[in-house]
Amino acid sequence: MKIAVPVNQSGHIDGHFGHCEYYSVYDVSEKGEIVNECYIKSENGCGCKSNIASVLAARGVSVMLAGGIGEGAINVLNNAGIQVIRGCSGDSAELVKLYIEGKITDSGVTCAHHDHH
C-alpha cells in the first residue's frame, strides 16, 4: 500500500491540501511497516486543479491523509482511485503509523471555500 501526506518542510501535515510544499509518499509492507518514503514537490496553485491526483495514482498511491481539503480536491483524488482521510494533523510518519494501526478515521469535515487572491 502507498499512502500520501501533504506536508510542509518540517514534515508535518499542511493544514491546507492545496497549499502544501511537498507530498510524502510512504510505502507500507504487507506486515504494516513503513519500508520507504519519497517526496514529490507540490505544484503551485489549487490542489484540485493541479495534476497531483494523476501523479500520485501513477505512483500507486491509494490513500491520502490530509488536514483541510476541499470537496473539489476530494472528488479529483477519489476519481483517481485515492481514498481521502480528512482532519489529520501532526508528524507525517507518526500519522501513517497510526493509520496503519487503525487509529485514524476520516473527520467528515470538508473545507467549504477557498480564499483566492
N, C-alpha and C. Protein backbone atom coordinates (compact mmCIF):
# COMPACT_ATOMS: atom_id res chain seq x y z
N MET A 1 0.85 -1.16 0.00
CA MET A 1 0.00 0.00 0.00
C MET A 1 0.90 1.23 0.00
N LYS A 2 0.44 2.29 -0.67
CA LYS A 2 1.14 3.56 -0.67
C LYS A 2 0.21 4.63 -0.13
N ILE A 3 0.75 5.43 0.80
CA ILE A 3 -0.02 6.48 1.45
C ILE A 3 0.68 7.80 1.21
N ALA A 4 -0.08 8.81 0.78
CA ALA A 4 0.47 10.14 0.56
C ALA A 4 -0.02 11.08 1.65
N VAL A 5 0.87 12.03 2.01
CA VAL A 5 0.55 13.03 3.03
C VAL A 5 1.04 14.39 2.54
N PRO A 6 0.17 15.41 2.46
CA PRO A 6 0.63 16.75 2.09
C PRO A 6 1.37 17.38 3.28
N VAL A 7 2.64 17.75 3.08
CA VAL A 7 3.46 18.22 4.19
C VAL A 7 4.15 19.54 3.91
N ASN A 8 4.63 20.17 5.00
CA ASN A 8 5.49 21.34 4.88
C ASN A 8 6.93 20.87 5.06
N GLN A 9 7.88 21.79 5.06
CA GLN A 9 9.29 21.41 5.12
C GLN A 9 9.68 20.71 6.43
N SER A 10 8.91 20.91 7.48
CA SER A 10 9.24 20.26 8.75
C SER A 10 8.71 18.82 8.83
N GLY A 11 8.00 18.38 7.79
CA GLY A 11 7.48 17.02 7.78
C GLY A 11 6.15 16.86 8.49
N HIS A 12 5.52 17.98 8.81
CA HIS A 12 4.20 17.93 9.43
C HIS A 12 3.12 18.18 8.37
N ILE A 13 1.96 17.64 8.63
CA ILE A 13 0.86 17.81 7.69
C ILE A 13 0.56 19.29 7.51
N ASP A 14 0.42 19.69 6.26
CA ASP A 14 -0.01 21.05 5.96
C ASP A 14 -1.52 21.09 6.14
N GLY A 15 -2.01 22.08 6.86
CA GLY A 15 -3.43 22.18 7.16
C GLY A 15 -4.30 22.47 5.95
N HIS A 16 -3.69 22.83 4.83
CA HIS A 16 -4.46 23.12 3.62
C HIS A 16 -3.84 22.35 2.46
N PHE A 17 -4.52 21.30 2.04
CA PHE A 17 -4.03 20.40 0.99
C PHE A 17 -3.46 21.13 -0.22
N GLY A 18 -4.17 22.13 -0.74
CA GLY A 18 -3.78 22.81 -1.96
C GLY A 18 -2.59 23.74 -1.83
N HIS A 19 -2.12 23.97 -0.60
CA HIS A 19 -1.00 24.88 -0.40
C HIS A 19 0.25 24.21 0.14
N CYS A 20 0.28 22.89 0.20
CA CYS A 20 1.43 22.20 0.78
C CYS A 20 2.67 22.37 -0.10
N GLU A 21 3.83 22.16 0.51
CA GLU A 21 5.10 22.27 -0.21
C GLU A 21 5.48 20.96 -0.90
N TYR A 22 5.17 19.85 -0.24
CA TYR A 22 5.54 18.53 -0.73
C TYR A 22 4.45 17.53 -0.41
N TYR A 23 4.54 16.37 -1.05
CA TYR A 23 3.75 15.21 -0.66
C TYR A 23 4.74 14.14 -0.26
N SER A 24 4.64 13.65 0.96
CA SER A 24 5.42 12.50 1.38
C SER A 24 4.64 11.27 0.97
N VAL A 25 5.31 10.35 0.31
CA VAL A 25 4.67 9.11 -0.12
C VAL A 25 5.36 7.96 0.60
N TYR A 26 4.57 7.22 1.38
CA TYR A 26 5.08 6.12 2.17
C TYR A 26 4.68 4.79 1.55
N ASP A 27 5.66 3.90 1.41
CA ASP A 27 5.39 2.52 1.01
C ASP A 27 5.21 1.72 2.29
N VAL A 28 4.10 0.99 2.38
CA VAL A 28 3.80 0.19 3.55
C VAL A 28 3.78 -1.28 3.14
N SER A 29 4.53 -2.10 3.86
CA SER A 29 4.62 -3.52 3.55
C SER A 29 3.33 -4.24 3.95
N GLU A 30 3.22 -5.49 3.54
CA GLU A 30 2.06 -6.30 3.92
C GLU A 30 2.00 -6.53 5.42
N LYS A 31 3.15 -6.39 6.09
CA LYS A 31 3.21 -6.53 7.55
C LYS A 31 2.85 -5.23 8.26
N GLY A 32 2.54 -4.18 7.50
CA GLY A 32 2.16 -2.92 8.09
C GLY A 32 3.34 -2.08 8.55
N GLU A 33 4.47 -2.26 7.91
CA GLU A 33 5.66 -1.49 8.26
C GLU A 33 5.99 -0.50 7.14
N ILE A 34 6.43 0.70 7.52
CA ILE A 34 6.88 1.66 6.53
C ILE A 34 8.24 1.20 6.03
N VAL A 35 8.33 0.96 4.72
CA VAL A 35 9.58 0.45 4.16
C VAL A 35 10.30 1.48 3.29
N ASN A 36 9.61 2.57 2.93
CA ASN A 36 10.24 3.58 2.10
C ASN A 36 9.42 4.87 2.19
N GLU A 37 10.11 6.00 2.02
CA GLU A 37 9.45 7.29 1.95
C GLU A 37 10.12 8.10 0.85
N CYS A 38 9.32 8.73 0.00
CA CYS A 38 9.87 9.63 -1.01
C CYS A 38 9.03 10.90 -1.00
N TYR A 39 9.53 11.94 -1.64
CA TYR A 39 8.86 13.23 -1.67
C TYR A 39 8.55 13.63 -3.10
N ILE A 40 7.39 14.23 -3.27
CA ILE A 40 7.01 14.81 -4.55
C ILE A 40 6.74 16.28 -4.31
N LYS A 41 7.44 17.14 -5.02
CA LYS A 41 7.25 18.58 -4.87
C LYS A 41 5.85 18.95 -5.35
N SER A 42 5.19 19.79 -4.58
CA SER A 42 3.85 20.24 -4.94
C SER A 42 3.94 21.30 -6.04
N GLU A 43 2.98 21.27 -6.92
CA GLU A 43 2.89 22.30 -7.95
C GLU A 43 2.23 23.52 -7.35
N ASN A 44 2.45 24.67 -7.93
CA ASN A 44 1.78 25.89 -7.48
C ASN A 44 0.31 25.84 -7.87
N GLY A 45 -0.52 26.45 -7.06
CA GLY A 45 -1.93 26.54 -7.40
C GLY A 45 -2.78 25.60 -6.60
N CYS A 46 -4.05 25.68 -6.84
CA CYS A 46 -5.05 24.91 -6.14
C CYS A 46 -4.86 23.42 -6.38
N GLY A 47 -4.93 22.63 -5.33
CA GLY A 47 -4.72 21.19 -5.44
C GLY A 47 -5.71 20.49 -6.36
N CYS A 48 -6.96 20.97 -6.37
CA CYS A 48 -7.98 20.30 -7.19
C CYS A 48 -7.79 20.57 -8.68
N LYS A 49 -7.03 21.62 -9.02
CA LYS A 49 -6.83 21.96 -10.42
C LYS A 49 -5.44 21.56 -10.92
N SER A 50 -4.63 20.99 -10.05
CA SER A 50 -3.31 20.52 -10.46
C SER A 50 -3.44 19.08 -10.96
N ASN A 51 -2.33 18.52 -11.40
CA ASN A 51 -2.35 17.13 -11.86
C ASN A 51 -1.83 16.17 -10.79
N ILE A 52 -1.82 16.63 -9.52
CA ILE A 52 -1.24 15.80 -8.46
C ILE A 52 -1.98 14.47 -8.30
N ALA A 53 -3.26 14.44 -8.49
CA ALA A 53 -4.00 13.18 -8.33
C ALA A 53 -3.50 12.13 -9.32
N SER A 54 -3.31 12.52 -10.57
CA SER A 54 -2.82 11.55 -11.57
C SER A 54 -1.38 11.15 -11.30
N VAL A 55 -0.57 12.10 -10.82
CA VAL A 55 0.83 11.79 -10.48
C VAL A 55 0.88 10.78 -9.33
N LEU A 56 0.09 11.03 -8.28
CA LEU A 56 0.07 10.11 -7.14
C LEU A 56 -0.50 8.74 -7.54
N ALA A 57 -1.56 8.74 -8.32
CA ALA A 57 -2.16 7.48 -8.76
C ALA A 57 -1.17 6.67 -9.59
N ALA A 58 -0.41 7.34 -10.45
CA ALA A 58 0.58 6.65 -11.28
C ALA A 58 1.68 6.02 -10.43
N ARG A 59 1.91 6.57 -9.26
CA ARG A 59 2.91 6.02 -8.34
C ARG A 59 2.33 4.97 -7.41
N GLY A 60 1.03 4.67 -7.58
CA GLY A 60 0.41 3.61 -6.80
C GLY A 60 -0.21 4.03 -5.49
N VAL A 61 -0.36 5.33 -5.26
CA VAL A 61 -0.96 5.81 -4.01
C VAL A 61 -2.44 5.44 -3.98
N SER A 62 -2.88 4.89 -2.83
CA SER A 62 -4.29 4.53 -2.69
C SER A 62 -4.98 5.27 -1.56
N VAL A 63 -4.18 5.96 -0.70
CA VAL A 63 -4.75 6.69 0.44
C VAL A 63 -4.05 8.04 0.57
N MET A 64 -4.83 9.10 0.83
CA MET A 64 -4.31 10.43 1.12
C MET A 64 -4.75 10.79 2.53
N LEU A 65 -3.79 11.04 3.41
CA LEU A 65 -4.09 11.52 4.75
C LEU A 65 -3.93 13.03 4.72
N ALA A 66 -5.02 13.76 4.85
CA ALA A 66 -5.00 15.21 4.67
C ALA A 66 -5.52 15.94 5.90
N GLY A 67 -5.14 17.19 6.01
CA GLY A 67 -5.70 18.07 7.04
C GLY A 67 -6.96 18.67 6.48
N GLY A 68 -6.89 19.97 6.12
CA GLY A 68 -8.02 20.63 5.48
C GLY A 68 -7.98 20.38 3.98
N ILE A 69 -9.11 20.03 3.41
CA ILE A 69 -9.18 19.73 1.98
C ILE A 69 -10.60 20.00 1.49
N GLY A 70 -10.70 20.57 0.30
CA GLY A 70 -12.00 20.91 -0.26
C GLY A 70 -12.64 19.76 -1.03
N GLU A 71 -13.92 19.92 -1.28
CA GLU A 71 -14.69 18.89 -2.00
C GLU A 71 -14.16 18.64 -3.40
N GLY A 72 -13.72 19.71 -4.09
CA GLY A 72 -13.17 19.54 -5.44
C GLY A 72 -11.95 18.63 -5.45
N ALA A 73 -11.04 18.86 -4.52
CA ALA A 73 -9.83 18.03 -4.44
C ALA A 73 -10.18 16.60 -4.05
N ILE A 74 -11.12 16.44 -3.15
CA ILE A 74 -11.54 15.09 -2.75
C ILE A 74 -12.09 14.34 -3.97
N ASN A 75 -12.94 15.01 -4.75
CA ASN A 75 -13.52 14.37 -5.94
C ASN A 75 -12.45 13.98 -6.94
N VAL A 76 -11.48 14.86 -7.17
CA VAL A 76 -10.41 14.56 -8.12
C VAL A 76 -9.59 13.37 -7.63
N LEU A 77 -9.24 13.37 -6.35
CA LEU A 77 -8.47 12.25 -5.79
C LEU A 77 -9.28 10.95 -5.83
N ASN A 78 -10.54 11.01 -5.43
CA ASN A 78 -11.39 9.81 -5.47
C ASN A 78 -11.51 9.26 -6.89
N ASN A 79 -11.67 10.15 -7.87
CA ASN A 79 -11.78 9.71 -9.27
C ASN A 79 -10.49 9.06 -9.76
N ALA A 80 -9.37 9.38 -9.11
CA ALA A 80 -8.08 8.77 -9.46
C ALA A 80 -7.85 7.49 -8.65
N GLY A 81 -8.83 7.09 -7.85
CA GLY A 81 -8.72 5.85 -7.07
C GLY A 81 -8.03 6.04 -5.73
N ILE A 82 -7.98 7.28 -5.24
CA ILE A 82 -7.31 7.58 -3.97
C ILE A 82 -8.35 7.93 -2.92
N GLN A 83 -8.37 7.16 -1.84
CA GLN A 83 -9.27 7.41 -0.71
C GLN A 83 -8.69 8.56 0.11
N VAL A 84 -9.53 9.50 0.53
CA VAL A 84 -9.09 10.66 1.30
C VAL A 84 -9.58 10.53 2.74
N ILE A 85 -8.64 10.69 3.68
CA ILE A 85 -8.95 10.72 5.10
C ILE A 85 -8.70 12.16 5.56
N ARG A 86 -9.75 12.85 5.97
CA ARG A 86 -9.67 14.27 6.33
C ARG A 86 -9.46 14.48 7.83
N GLY A 87 -8.97 15.70 8.17
CA GLY A 87 -8.85 16.09 9.56
C GLY A 87 -7.59 15.63 10.25
N CYS A 88 -6.56 15.28 9.50
CA CYS A 88 -5.31 14.78 10.07
C CYS A 88 -4.38 15.94 10.43
N SER A 89 -3.50 15.71 11.40
CA SER A 89 -2.51 16.72 11.77
C SER A 89 -1.31 16.03 12.42
N GLY A 90 -0.22 16.79 12.53
CA GLY A 90 0.96 16.28 13.22
C GLY A 90 2.04 15.79 12.28
N ASP A 91 2.97 15.03 12.84
CA ASP A 91 4.10 14.47 12.11
C ASP A 91 3.60 13.41 11.12
N SER A 92 4.04 13.51 9.87
CA SER A 92 3.51 12.63 8.83
C SER A 92 3.84 11.16 9.06
N ALA A 93 5.07 10.84 9.45
CA ALA A 93 5.44 9.43 9.66
C ALA A 93 4.65 8.83 10.81
N GLU A 94 4.48 9.58 11.89
CA GLU A 94 3.71 9.10 13.03
C GLU A 94 2.25 8.91 12.65
N LEU A 95 1.72 9.81 11.85
CA LEU A 95 0.35 9.71 11.39
C LEU A 95 0.13 8.45 10.55
N VAL A 96 1.06 8.16 9.65
CA VAL A 96 0.96 6.96 8.82
C VAL A 96 0.96 5.71 9.70
N LYS A 97 1.82 5.69 10.72
CA LYS A 97 1.84 4.54 11.65
C LYS A 97 0.50 4.38 12.35
N LEU A 98 -0.07 5.49 12.80
CA LEU A 98 -1.38 5.42 13.47
C LEU A 98 -2.47 4.96 12.51
N TYR A 99 -2.40 5.39 11.25
CA TYR A 99 -3.38 4.95 10.26
C TYR A 99 -3.27 3.44 10.04
N ILE A 100 -2.05 2.95 9.92
CA ILE A 100 -1.82 1.52 9.72
C ILE A 100 -2.40 0.72 10.89
N GLU A 101 -2.30 1.28 12.09
CA GLU A 101 -2.82 0.62 13.29
C GLU A 101 -4.34 0.76 13.43
N GLY A 102 -4.97 1.47 12.50
CA GLY A 102 -6.42 1.64 12.54
C GLY A 102 -6.88 2.71 13.52
N LYS A 103 -5.98 3.61 13.90
CA LYS A 103 -6.31 4.62 14.89
C LYS A 103 -6.66 5.98 14.29
N ILE A 104 -6.68 6.09 12.97
CA ILE A 104 -7.03 7.33 12.29
C ILE A 104 -8.29 7.09 11.47
N THR A 105 -9.28 7.95 11.65
CA THR A 105 -10.50 7.86 10.85
C THR A 105 -10.80 9.22 10.23
N ASP A 106 -11.60 9.22 9.21
CA ASP A 106 -11.99 10.43 8.50
C ASP A 106 -12.84 11.30 9.41
N SER A 107 -12.51 12.60 9.46
CA SER A 107 -13.26 13.53 10.31
C SER A 107 -14.62 13.91 9.73
N GLY A 108 -14.77 13.74 8.42
CA GLY A 108 -16.01 14.12 7.76
C GLY A 108 -16.11 15.61 7.49
N VAL A 109 -15.09 16.38 7.84
CA VAL A 109 -15.11 17.83 7.67
C VAL A 109 -14.39 18.21 6.38
N THR A 110 -15.10 18.94 5.52
CA THR A 110 -14.57 19.39 4.25
C THR A 110 -14.51 20.91 4.25
N CYS A 111 -13.43 21.46 3.69
CA CYS A 111 -13.33 22.91 3.55
C CYS A 111 -14.44 23.38 2.61
N ALA A 112 -15.18 24.39 3.02
CA ALA A 112 -16.31 24.86 2.24
C ALA A 112 -15.95 25.88 1.18
N HIS A 113 -14.83 26.60 1.37
CA HIS A 113 -14.47 27.64 0.41
C HIS A 113 -12.96 27.88 0.45
N HIS A 114 -12.48 28.58 -0.55
CA HIS A 114 -11.08 28.95 -0.63
C HIS A 114 -10.98 30.46 -0.73
N ASP A 115 -9.91 31.00 -0.21
CA ASP A 115 -9.64 32.43 -0.37
C ASP A 115 -8.67 32.60 -1.53
N HIS A 116 -9.13 33.00 -2.66
CA HIS A 116 -8.29 33.20 -3.84
C HIS A 116 -7.92 34.67 -3.94
N HIS A 117 -6.66 34.94 -4.17
CA HIS A 117 -6.21 36.33 -4.28
C HIS A 117 -5.71 36.60 -5.67
